[in-house]
C-alpha cells in the first residue's frame, strides 16, 4: 500500500473547530503514520491525521499556487 501523503506535494488539510471548518495549506515534507510534517507560511507544523478533528486532506495540483494566507477559516 502506498503512503497516504506524498512528500514534496502540497495539500489542504481540513479540520473541524468550534468556529466551523479550519484549513491549512502547505507542503508535506515528511510523513509517518499518523503524523504529517507540513511547511506553511514559514512555519513547520505536525498534523495528527488520526485526530477526531481531522476531516480530510486534498492534494493541490502541481501548477496551483499556494495562497498567500495558507491558513484560513
C-alpha atoms as a PDB file:
ATOM      1  CA  UNK A   1       0.000   0.000   0.000  1.00  0.00           C
ATOM      2  CA  UNK A   2       1.321   3.452  -0.870  1.00  0.00           C
ATOM      3  CA  UNK A   3       1.780   6.271   1.623  1.00  0.00           C
ATOM      4  CA  UNK A   4      -1.233   8.379   2.472  1.00  0.00           C
ATOM      5  CA  UNK A   5       0.572  11.659   1.665  1.00  0.00           C
ATOM      6  CA  UNK A   6       3.235  12.238  -0.960  1.00  0.00           C
ATOM      7  CA  UNK A   7       6.303  14.053   0.365  1.00  0.00           C
ATOM      8  CA  UNK A   8       7.040  17.094  -1.795  1.00  0.00           C
ATOM      9  CA  UNK A   9       3.372  17.663  -2.711  1.00  0.00           C
ATOM     10  CA  UNK A  10       1.045  20.390  -1.446  1.00  0.00           C
ATOM     11  CA  UNK A  11      -2.180  19.580   0.389  1.00  0.00           C
ATOM     12  CA  UNK A  12      -5.006  21.491   2.006  1.00  0.00           C
ATOM     13  CA  UNK A  13      -5.914  19.919   5.359  1.00  0.00           C
ATOM     14  CA  UNK A  14      -9.420  20.470   6.784  1.00  0.00           C
ATOM     15  CA  UNK A  15     -10.312  20.309  10.487  1.00  0.00           C
ATOM     16  CA  UNK A  16     -13.471  20.881  12.486  1.00  0.00           C
ATOM     17  CA  UNK A  17     -13.369  23.514  15.215  1.00  0.00           C
ATOM     18  CA  UNK A  18     -15.730  25.429  17.466  1.00  0.00           C
ATOM     19  CA  UNK A  19     -15.800  28.180  14.825  1.00  0.00           C
ATOM     20  CA  UNK A  20     -16.573  25.816  11.936  1.00  0.00           C
ATOM     21  CA  UNK A  21     -14.130  24.362   9.422  1.00  0.00           C
ATOM     22  CA  UNK A  22     -10.452  25.350   9.596  1.00  0.00           C
ATOM     23  CA  UNK A  23      -7.996  24.738   6.777  1.00  0.00           C
ATOM     24  CA  UNK A  24      -4.226  24.721   6.457  1.00  0.00           C
ATOM     25  CA  UNK A  25      -2.432  24.504   3.111  1.00  0.00           C
ATOM     26  CA  UNK A  26       1.205  23.500   2.950  1.00  0.00           C
ATOM     27  CA  UNK A  27       3.965  21.354   1.510  1.00  0.00           C
ATOM     28  CA  UNK A  28       4.297  17.887   3.028  1.00  0.00           C
ATOM     29  CA  UNK A  29       7.976  17.452   3.969  1.00  0.00           C
ATOM     30  CA  UNK A  30       7.570  14.244   5.966  1.00  0.00           C
ATOM     31  CA  UNK A  31       5.003  11.619   6.795  1.00  0.00           C
ATOM     32  CA  UNK A  32       4.988   8.882   9.399  1.00  0.00           C
ATOM     33  CA  UNK A  33       1.556   7.434  10.152  1.00  0.00           C
ATOM     34  CA  UNK A  34      -0.467   9.207  11.538  1.00  0.00           C
ATOM     35  CA  UNK A  35       1.641  12.401  11.525  1.00  0.00           C
ATOM     36  CA  UNK A  36       2.231  14.704   8.549  1.00  0.00           C
ATOM     37  CA  UNK A  37       5.012  17.294   8.758  1.00  0.00           C
ATOM     38  CA  UNK A  38       3.915  20.334   6.736  1.00  0.00           C
ATOM     39  CA  UNK A  39       5.680  23.600   5.840  1.00  0.00           C
ATOM     40  CA  UNK A  40       3.335  26.541   5.530  1.00  0.00           C
ATOM     41  CA  UNK A  41       3.836  30.283   5.792  1.00  0.00           C
ATOM     42  CA  UNK A  42       7.367  29.964   7.156  1.00  0.00           C
ATOM     43  CA  UNK A  43       6.278  27.508   9.852  1.00  0.00           C
ATOM     44  CA  UNK A  44       6.735  23.774  10.146  1.00  0.00           C
ATOM     45  CA  UNK A  45       3.665  22.076  11.572  1.00  0.00           C
ATOM     46  CA  UNK A  46       2.984  18.496  12.586  1.00  0.00           C
ATOM     47  CA  UNK A  47      -0.582  17.438  11.826  1.00  0.00           C
ATOM     48  CA  UNK A  48      -2.113  14.432  13.570  1.00  0.00           C
ATOM     49  CA  UNK A  49      -4.281  12.804  10.905  1.00  0.00           C
ATOM     50  CA  UNK A  50      -5.721  10.382  13.476  1.00  0.00           C
ATOM     51  CA  UNK A  51      -7.292  13.251  15.429  1.00  0.00           C
ATOM     52  CA  UNK A  52     -11.075  13.291  15.638  1.00  0.00           C
ATOM     53  CA  UNK A  53     -10.892  16.928  14.429  1.00  0.00           C
ATOM     54  CA  UNK A  54      -9.197  15.949  11.156  1.00  0.00           C
ATOM     55  CA  UNK A  55     -11.782  15.824   8.355  1.00  0.00           C
ATOM     56  CA  UNK A  56      -9.881  15.407   5.105  1.00  0.00           C
ATOM     57  CA  UNK A  57      -6.886  16.450   3.031  1.00  0.00           C
ATOM     58  CA  UNK A  58      -6.964  17.429  -0.630  1.00  0.00           C
ATOM     59  CA  UNK A  59      -3.841  17.348  -2.795  1.00  0.00           C
ATOM     60  CA  UNK A  60      -3.384  20.523  -4.807  1.00  0.00           C
ATOM     61  CA  UNK A  61      -2.333  20.428  -8.446  1.00  0.00           C
ATOM     62  CA  UNK A  62       1.391  20.895  -9.045  1.00  0.00           C
ATOM     63  CA  UNK A  63       0.753  24.071 -11.081  1.00  0.00           C
ATOM     64  CA  UNK A  64      -1.626  25.554  -8.485  1.00  0.00           C
ATOM     65  CA  UNK A  65      -0.008  28.314  -6.381  1.00  0.00           C
ATOM     66  CA  UNK A  66      -0.170  28.207  -2.587  1.00  0.00           C
ATOM     67  CA  UNK A  67      -2.426  31.031  -1.396  1.00  0.00           C
ATOM     68  CA  UNK A  68      -0.576  33.869   0.381  1.00  0.00           C
ATOM     69  CA  UNK A  69      -2.636  33.221   3.519  1.00  0.00           C
ATOM     70  CA  UNK A  70      -2.106  29.478   3.757  1.00  0.00           C
ATOM     71  CA  UNK A  71      -4.160  29.160   6.916  1.00  0.00           C
ATOM     72  CA  UNK A  72      -7.799  30.062   6.628  1.00  0.00           C
ATOM     73  CA  UNK A  73     -11.088  29.610   8.385  1.00  0.00           C
END
